[in-house]
Amino acid sequence: MAIDNSNYADATIASIRGIVEIKQTEIDRSLEKTIQVVGVGLAPHNPPHPFYASLLLSILATLFFSIITWRCTQRK
């Protein structure tokens, strides 16, 4: 009878491991879908034209150096 109980215990443990693996696979798939949805939501459909990037950098550089020049002239 000890052999039968051991086989039942092994079968029960194997069944529990199978159930846990199935649940983990479902969780992984759900997480993957969520990441895909968020990625699609964050990604732009059309990337901005390079003109806008260069214009923005030009404006920011102008403001940055204007502030530096203004502060340097105020100290004197």
PDB file of N, CA and C in Angstrom:
ATOM      1  N   MET A   1       0.805  -1.194   0.000  1.00  0.00           N
ATOM      2  CA  MET A   1       0.000   0.000   0.000  1.00  0.00           C
ATOM      3  C   MET A   1       0.853   1.265   0.000  1.00  0.00           C
ATOM      4  N   ALA A   2       2.046   1.208   0.526  1.00  0.00           N
ATOM      5  CA  ALA A   2       2.917   2.376   0.540  1.00  0.00           C
ATOM      6  C   ALA A   2       3.281   2.790  -0.878  1.00  0.00           C
ATOM      7  N   ILE A   3       3.414   1.825  -1.767  1.00  0.00           N
ATOM      8  CA  ILE A   3       3.742   2.133  -3.155  1.00  0.00           C
ATOM      9  C   ILE A   3       2.571   2.855  -3.817  1.00  0.00           C
ATOM     10  N   ASP A   4       1.366   2.419  -3.557  1.00  0.00           N
ATOM     11  CA  ASP A   4       0.188   3.069  -4.138  1.00  0.00           C
ATOM     12  C   ASP A   4       0.051   4.503  -3.640  1.00  0.00           C
ATOM     13  N   ASN A   5       0.264   4.709  -2.344  1.00  0.00           N
ATOM     14  CA  ASN A   5       0.175   6.062  -1.784  1.00  0.00           C
ATOM     15  C   ASN A   5       1.249   6.957  -2.378  1.00  0.00           C
ATOM     16  N   SER A   6       2.428   6.405  -2.586  1.00  0.00           N
ATOM     17  CA  SER A   6       3.518   7.173  -3.177  1.00  0.00           C
ATOM     18  C   SER A   6       3.172   7.565  -4.610  1.00  0.00           C
ATOM     19  N   ASN A   7       2.589   6.631  -5.356  1.00  0.00           N
ATOM     20  CA  ASN A   7       2.198   6.936  -6.736  1.00  0.00           C
ATOM     21  C   ASN A   7       1.103   8.000  -6.772  1.00  0.00           C
ATOM     22  N   TYR A   8       0.164   7.925  -5.852  1.00  0.00           N
ATOM     23  CA  TYR A   8      -0.898   8.936  -5.787  1.00  0.00           C
ATOM     24  C   TYR A   8      -0.324  10.309  -5.431  1.00  0.00           C
ATOM     25  N   ALA A   9       0.614  10.309  -4.496  1.00  0.00           N
ATOM     26  CA  ALA A   9       1.238  11.576  -4.106  1.00  0.00           C
ATOM     27  C   ALA A   9       2.010  12.168  -5.282  1.00  0.00           C
ATOM     28  N   ASP A  10       2.754  11.319  -6.007  1.00  0.00           N
ATOM     29  CA  ASP A  10       3.505  11.800  -7.172  1.00  0.00           C
ATOM     30  C   ASP A  10       2.562  12.331  -8.250  1.00  0.00           C
ATOM     31  N   ALA A  11       1.468  11.619  -8.473  1.00  0.00           N
ATOM     32  CA  ALA A  11       0.497  12.053  -9.477  1.00  0.00           C
ATOM     33  C   ALA A  11      -0.156  13.374  -9.062  1.00  0.00           C
ATOM     34  N   THR A  12      -0.442  13.517  -7.778  1.00  0.00           N
ATOM     35  CA  THR A  12      -1.043  14.754  -7.278  1.00  0.00           C
ATOM     36  C   THR A  12      -0.078  15.922  -7.437  1.00  0.00           C
ATOM     37  N   ILE A  13       1.179  15.694  -7.083  1.00  0.00           N
ATOM     38  CA  ILE A  13       2.195  16.748  -7.215  1.00  0.00           C
ATOM     39  C   ILE A  13       2.374  17.132  -8.680  1.00  0.00           C
ATOM     40  N   ALA A  14       2.406  16.135  -9.556  1.00  0.00           N
ATOM     41  CA  ALA A  14       2.546  16.414 -10.986  1.00  0.00           C
ATOM     42  C   ALA A  14       1.345  17.198 -11.510  1.00  0.00           C
ATOM     43  N   SER A  15       0.157  16.870 -11.042  1.00  0.00           N
ATOM     44  CA  SER A  15      -1.045  17.597 -11.461  1.00  0.00           C
ATOM     45  C   SER A  15      -1.002  19.045 -10.992  1.00  0.00           C
ATOM     46  N   ILE A  16      -0.584  19.254  -9.762  1.00  0.00           N
ATOM     47  CA  ILE A  16      -0.489  20.614  -9.221  1.00  0.00           C
ATOM     48  C   ILE A  16       0.545  21.418 -10.001  1.00  0.00           C
ATOM     49  N   ARG A  17       1.680  20.796 -10.308  1.00  0.00           N
ATOM     50  CA  ARG A  17       2.706  21.492 -11.100  1.00  0.00           C
ATOM     51  C   ARG A  17       2.160  21.867 -12.479  1.00  0.00           C
ATOM     52  N   GLY A  18       1.403  20.968 -13.080  1.00  0.00           N
ATOM     53  CA  GLY A  18       0.807  21.261 -14.384  1.00  0.00           C
ATOM     54  C   GLY A  18      -0.158  22.426 -14.320  1.00  0.00           C
ATOM     55  N   ILE A  19      -0.980  22.453 -13.282  1.00  0.00           N
ATOM     56  CA  ILE A  19      -1.939  23.553 -13.105  1.00  0.00           C
ATOM     57  C   ILE A  19      -1.204  24.875 -12.910  1.00  0.00           C
ATOM     58  N   VAL A  20      -0.146  24.851 -12.105  1.00  0.00           N
ATOM     59  CA  VAL A  20       0.632  26.067 -11.857  1.00  0.00           C
ATOM     60  C   VAL A  20       1.282  26.553 -13.151  1.00  0.00           C
ATOM     61  N   GLU A  21       1.815  25.639 -13.945  1.00  0.00           N
ATOM     62  CA  GLU A  21       2.440  26.031 -15.214  1.00  0.00           C
ATOM     63  C   GLU A  21       1.413  26.627 -16.177  1.00  0.00           C
ATOM     64  N   ILE A  22       0.227  26.063 -16.213  1.00  0.00           N
ATOM     65  CA  ILE A  22      -0.829  26.602 -17.079  1.00  0.00           C
ATOM     66  C   ILE A  22      -1.214  28.008 -16.636  1.00  0.00           C
ATOM     67  N   LYS A  23      -1.379  28.204 -15.331  1.00  0.00           N
ATOM     68  CA  LYS A  23      -1.734  29.533 -14.813  1.00  0.00           C
ATOM     69  C   LYS A  23      -0.624  30.544 -15.118  1.00  0.00           C
ATOM     70  N   GLN A  24       0.631  30.113 -14.958  1.00  0.00           N
ATOM     71  CA  GLN A  24       1.755  31.015 -15.229  1.00  0.00           C
ATOM     72  C   GLN A  24       1.793  31.397 -16.704  1.00  0.00           C
ATOM     73  N   THR A  25       1.511  30.456 -17.576  1.00  0.00           N
ATOM     74  CA  THR A  25       1.465  30.740 -19.013  1.00  0.00           C
ATOM     75  C   THR A  25       0.358  31.736 -19.332  1.00  0.00           C
ATOM     76  N   GLU A  26      -0.802  31.587 -18.709  1.00  0.00           N
ATOM     77  CA  GLU A  26      -1.902  32.532 -18.925  1.00  0.00           C
ATOM     78  C   GLU A  26      -1.526  33.930 -18.453  1.00  0.00           C
ATOM     79  N   ILE A  27      -0.861  34.009 -17.312  1.00  0.00           N
ATOM     80  CA  ILE A  27      -0.433  35.308 -16.783  1.00  0.00           C
ATOM     81  C   ILE A  27       0.586  35.947 -17.719  1.00  0.00           C
ATOM     82  N   ASP A  28       1.537  35.142 -18.217  1.00  0.00           N
ATOM     83  CA  ASP A  28       2.549  35.664 -19.138  1.00  0.00           C
ATOM     84  C   ASP A  28       1.915  36.188 -20.420  1.00  0.00           C
ATOM     85  N   ARG A  29       0.943  35.477 -20.950  1.00  0.00           N
ATOM     86  CA  ARG A  29       0.262  35.925 -22.167  1.00  0.00           C
ATOM     87  C   ARG A  29      -0.496  37.220 -21.915  1.00  0.00           C
ATOM     88  N   SER A  30      -1.144  37.308 -20.767  1.00  0.00           N
ATOM     89  CA  SER A  30      -1.885  38.523 -20.433  1.00  0.00           C
ATOM     90  C   SER A  30      -0.933  39.712 -20.318  1.00  0.00           C
ATOM     91  N   LEU A  31       0.206  39.504 -19.673  1.00  0.00           N
ATOM     92  CA  LEU A  31       1.195  40.567 -19.535  1.00  0.00           C
ATOM     93  C   LEU A  31       1.737  40.977 -20.901  1.00  0.00           C
ATOM     94  N   GLU A  32       1.993  40.009 -21.756  1.00  0.00           N
ATOM     95  CA  GLU A  32       2.500  40.307 -23.096  1.00  0.00           C
ATOM     96  C   GLU A  32       1.494  41.140 -23.883  1.00  0.00           C
ATOM     97  N   LYS A  33       0.217  40.792 -23.786  1.00  0.00           N
ATOM     98  CA  LYS A  33      -0.817  41.565 -24.483  1.00  0.00           C
ATOM     99  C   LYS A  33      -0.884  42.988 -23.948  1.00  0.00           C
ATOM    100  N   THR A  34      -0.785  43.136 -22.630  1.00  0.00           N
ATOM    101  CA  THR A  34      -0.822  44.465 -22.021  1.00  0.00           C
ATOM    102  C   THR A  34       0.350  45.306 -22.503  1.00  0.00           C
ATOM    103  N   ILE A  35       1.534  44.711 -22.543  1.00  0.00           N
ATOM    104  CA  ILE A  35       2.717  45.441 -23.003  1.00  0.00           C
ATOM    105  C   ILE A  35       2.562  45.844 -24.463  1.00  0.00           C
ATOM    106  N   GLN A  36       1.999  44.973 -25.280  1.00  0.00           N
ATOM    107  CA  GLN A  36       1.784  45.306 -26.687  1.00  0.00           C
ATOM    108  C   GLN A  36       0.800  46.459 -26.839  1.00  0.00           C
ATOM    109  N   VAL A  37      -0.274  46.435 -26.069  1.00  0.00           N
ATOM    110  CA  VAL A  37      -1.277  47.500 -26.158  1.00  0.00           C
ATOM    111  C   VAL A  37      -0.678  48.831 -25.729  1.00  0.00           C
ATOM    112  N   VAL A  38       0.074  48.829 -24.645  1.00  0.00           N
ATOM    113  CA  VAL A  38       0.693  50.066 -24.167  1.00  0.00           C
ATOM    114  C   VAL A  38       1.720  50.558 -25.181  1.00  0.00           C
ATOM    115  N   GLY A  39       2.490  49.640 -25.746  1.00  0.00           N
ATOM    116  CA  GLY A  39       3.483  50.024 -26.745  1.00  0.00           C
ATOM    117  C   GLY A  39       2.857  50.655 -27.968  1.00  0.00           C
ATOM    118  N   VAL A  40       1.758  50.108 -28.425  1.00  0.00           N
ATOM    119  CA  VAL A  40       1.065  50.678 -29.581  1.00  0.00           C
ATOM    120  C   VAL A  40       0.479  52.033 -29.220  1.00  0.00           C
ATOM    121  N   GLY A  41      -0.017  52.169 -28.011  1.00  0.00           N
ATOM    122  CA  GLY A  41      -0.596  53.440 -27.587  1.00  0.00           C
ATOM    123  C   GLY A  41       0.435  54.545 -27.460  1.00  0.00           C
ATOM    124  N   LEU A  42       1.665  54.200 -27.092  1.00  0.00           N
ATOM    125  CA  LEU A  42       2.702  55.208 -26.906  1.00  0.00           C
ATOM    126  C   LEU A  42       3.441  55.551 -28.194  1.00  0.00           C
ATOM    127  N   ALA A  43       3.490  54.632 -29.120  1.00  0.00           N
ATOM    128  CA  ALA A  43       4.258  54.844 -30.347  1.00  0.00           C
ATOM    129  C   ALA A  43       3.513  55.787 -31.286  1.00  0.00           C
ATOM    130  N   PRO A  44       4.226  56.743 -31.858  1.00  0.00           N
ATOM    131  CA  PRO A  44       3.569  57.628 -32.823  1.00  0.00           C
ATOM    132  C   PRO A  44       3.319  56.891 -34.133  1.00  0.00           C
ATOM    133  N   HIS A  45       2.216  57.233 -34.772  1.00  0.00           N
ATOM    134  CA  HIS A  45       1.888  56.589 -36.051  1.00  0.00           C
ATOM    135  C   HIS A  45       2.860  57.043 -37.137  1.00  0.00           C
ATOM    136  N   ASN A  46       3.062  58.324 -37.225  1.00  0.00           N
ATOM    137  CA  ASN A  46       4.020  58.887 -38.179  1.00  0.00           C
ATOM    138  C   ASN A  46       5.055  59.678 -37.390  1.00  0.00           C
ATOM    139  N   PRO A  47       6.330  59.384 -37.572  1.00  0.00           N
ATOM    140  CA  PRO A  47       7.342  60.158 -36.848  1.00  0.00           C
ATOM    141  C   PRO A  47       7.337  61.612 -37.326  1.00  0.00           C
ATOM    142  N   PRO A  48       7.690  62.536 -36.456  1.00  0.00           N
ATOM    143  CA  PRO A  48       7.669  63.947 -36.853  1.00  0.00           C
ATOM    144  C   PRO A  48       8.702  64.220 -37.954  1.00  0.00           C
ATOM    145  N   HIS A  49       8.406  65.229 -38.737  1.00  0.00           N
ATOM    146  CA  HIS A  49       9.313  65.629 -39.813  1.00  0.00           C
ATOM    147  C   HIS A  49      10.594  66.190 -39.189  1.00  0.00           C
ATOM    148  N   PRO A  50      11.759  65.934 -39.781  1.00  0.00           N
ATOM    149  CA  PRO A  50      13.020  66.441 -39.208  1.00  0.00           C
ATOM    150  C   PRO A  50      13.051  67.960 -39.054  1.00  0.00           C
ATOM    151  N   PHE A  51      12.265  68.668 -39.853  1.00  0.00           N
ATOM    152  CA  PHE A  51      12.224  70.128 -39.741  1.00  0.00           C
ATOM    153  C   PHE A  51      11.791  70.557 -38.346  1.00  0.00           C
ATOM    154  N   TYR A  52      10.791  69.885 -37.795  1.00  0.00           N
ATOM    155  CA  TYR A  52      10.283  70.262 -36.474  1.00  0.00           C
ATOM    156  C   TYR A  52      11.325  70.020 -35.393  1.00  0.00           C
ATOM    157  N   ALA A  53      12.064  68.935 -35.508  1.00  0.00           N
ATOM    158  CA  ALA A  53      13.109  68.655 -34.523  1.00  0.00           C
ATOM    159  C   ALA A  53      14.204  69.714 -34.594  1.00  0.00           C
ATOM    160  N   SER A  54      14.632  70.069 -35.791  1.00  0.00           N
ATOM    161  CA  SER A  54      15.684  71.081 -35.925  1.00  0.00           C
ATOM    162  C   SER A  54      15.180  72.453 -35.490  1.00  0.00           C
ATOM    163  N   LEU A  55      13.929  72.763 -35.777  1.00  0.00           N
ATOM    164  CA  LEU A  55      13.360  74.039 -35.344  1.00  0.00           C
ATOM    165  C   LEU A  55      13.301  74.117 -33.820  1.00  0.00           C
ATOM    166  N   LEU A  56      12.858  73.047 -33.190  1.00  0.00           N
ATOM    167  CA  LEU A  56      12.782  73.017 -31.730  1.00  0.00           C
ATOM    168  C   LEU A  56      14.169  73.155 -31.108  1.00  0.00           C
ATOM    169  N   LEU A  57      15.148  72.429 -31.641  1.00  0.00           N
ATOM    170  CA  LEU A  57      16.508  72.534 -31.112  1.00  0.00           C
ATOM    171  C   LEU A  57      17.067  73.937 -31.307  1.00  0.00           C
ATOM    172  N   SER A  58      16.772  74.544 -32.423  1.00  0.00           N
ATOM    173  CA  SER A  58      17.236  75.905 -32.683  1.00  0.00           C
ATOM    174  C   SER A  58      16.633  76.888 -31.688  1.00  0.00           C
ATOM    175  N   ILE A  59      15.350  76.771 -31.433  1.00  0.00           N
ATOM    176  CA  ILE A  59      14.683  77.661 -30.473  1.00  0.00           C
ATOM    177  C   ILE A  59      15.241  77.454 -29.070  1.00  0.00           C
ATOM    178  N   LEU A  60      15.417  76.199 -28.672  1.00  0.00           N
ATOM    179  CA  LEU A  60      15.960  75.918 -27.342  1.00  0.00           C
ATOM    180  C   LEU A  60      17.386  76.433 -27.193  1.00  0.00           C
ATOM    181  N   ALA A  61      18.209  76.262 -28.219  1.00  0.00           N
ATOM    182  CA  ALA A  61      19.586  76.759 -28.163  1.00  0.00           C
ATOM    183  C   ALA A  61      19.604  78.278 -28.077  1.00  0.00           C
ATOM    184  N   THR A  62      18.740  78.930 -28.837  1.00  0.00           N
ATOM    185  CA  THR A  62      18.657  80.390 -28.794  1.00  0.00           C
ATOM    186  C   THR A  62      18.266  80.874 -27.406  1.00  0.00           C
ATOM    187  N   LEU A  63      17.251  80.255 -26.822  1.00  0.00           N
ATOM    188  CA  LEU A  63      16.833  80.638 -25.470  1.00  0.00           C
ATOM    189  C   LEU A  63      17.933  80.388 -24.450  1.00  0.00           C
ATOM    190  N   PHE A  64      18.586  79.252 -24.546  1.00  0.00           N
ATOM    191  CA  PHE A  64      19.642  78.894 -23.593  1.00  0.00           C
ATOM    192  C   PHE A  64      20.774  79.915 -23.633  1.00  0.00           C
ATOM    193  N   PHE A  65      21.284  80.207 -24.827  1.00  0.00           N
ATOM    194  CA  PHE A  65      22.405  81.133 -24.929  1.00  0.00           C
ATOM    195  C   PHE A  65      21.980  82.576 -24.675  1.00  0.00           C
ATOM    196  N   SER A  66      20.738  82.907 -24.940  1.00  0.00           N
ATOM    197  CA  SER A  66      20.245  84.248 -24.606  1.00  0.00           C
ATOM    198  C   SER A  66      20.226  84.453 -23.099  1.00  0.00           C
ATOM    199  N   ILE A  67      19.779  83.453 -22.377  1.00  0.00           N
ATOM    200  CA  ILE A  67      19.752  83.544 -20.911  1.00  0.00           C
ATOM    201  C   ILE A  67      21.163  83.643 -20.355  1.00  0.00           C
ATOM    202  N   ILE A  68      22.080  82.859 -20.886  1.00  0.00           N
ATOM    203  CA  ILE A  68      23.471  82.922 -20.419  1.00  0.00           C
ATOM    204  C   ILE A  68      24.059  84.303 -20.689  1.00  0.00           C
ATOM    205  N   THR A  69      23.840  84.834 -21.878  1.00  0.00           N
ATOM    206  CA  THR A  69      24.355  86.158 -22.227  1.00  0.00           C
ATOM    207  C   THR A  69      23.732  87.231 -21.347  1.00  0.00           C
ATOM    208  N   TRP A  70      22.441  87.150 -21.108  1.00  0.00           N
ATOM    209  CA  TRP A  70      21.759  88.133 -20.265  1.00  0.00           C
ATOM    210  C   TRP A  70      22.320  88.115 -18.846  1.00  0.00           C
ATOM    211  N   ARG A  71      22.540  86.920 -18.301  1.00  0.00           N
ATOM    212  CA  ARG A  71      23.075  86.826 -16.936  1.00  0.00           C
ATOM    213  C   ARG A  71      24.506  87.348 -16.861  1.00  0.00           C
ATOM    214  N   CYS A  72      25.292  87.080 -17.890  1.00  0.00           N
ATOM    215  CA  CYS A  72      26.671  87.577 -17.893  1.00  0.00           C
ATOM    216  C   CYS A  72      26.708  89.097 -17.971  1.00  0.00           C
ATOM    217  N   THR A  73      25.817  89.693 -18.733  1.00  0.00           N
ATOM    218  CA  THR A  73      25.809  91.150 -18.850  1.00  0.00           C
ATOM    219  C   THR A  73      25.223  91.809 -17.605  1.00  0.00           C
ATOM    220  N   GLN A  74      24.384  91.141 -16.860  1.00  0.00           N
ATOM    221  CA  GLN A  74      23.798  91.701 -15.640  1.00  0.00           C
ATOM    222  C   GLN A  74      24.817  91.771 -14.513  1.00  0.00           C
ATOM    223  N   ARG A  75      25.780  90.892 -14.495  1.00  0.00           N
ATOM    224  CA  ARG A  75      26.773  90.852 -13.410  1.00  0.00           C
ATOM    225  C   ARG A  75      27.754  92.008 -13.500  1.00  0.00           C
ATOM    226  N   LYS A  76      28.012  92.501 -14.684  1.00  0.00           N
ATOM    227  CA  LYS A  76      29.021  93.553 -14.848  1.00  0.00           C
ATOM    228  C   LYS A  76      28.497  94.878 -14.526  1.00  0.00           C
TER     229      LYS A  76
END
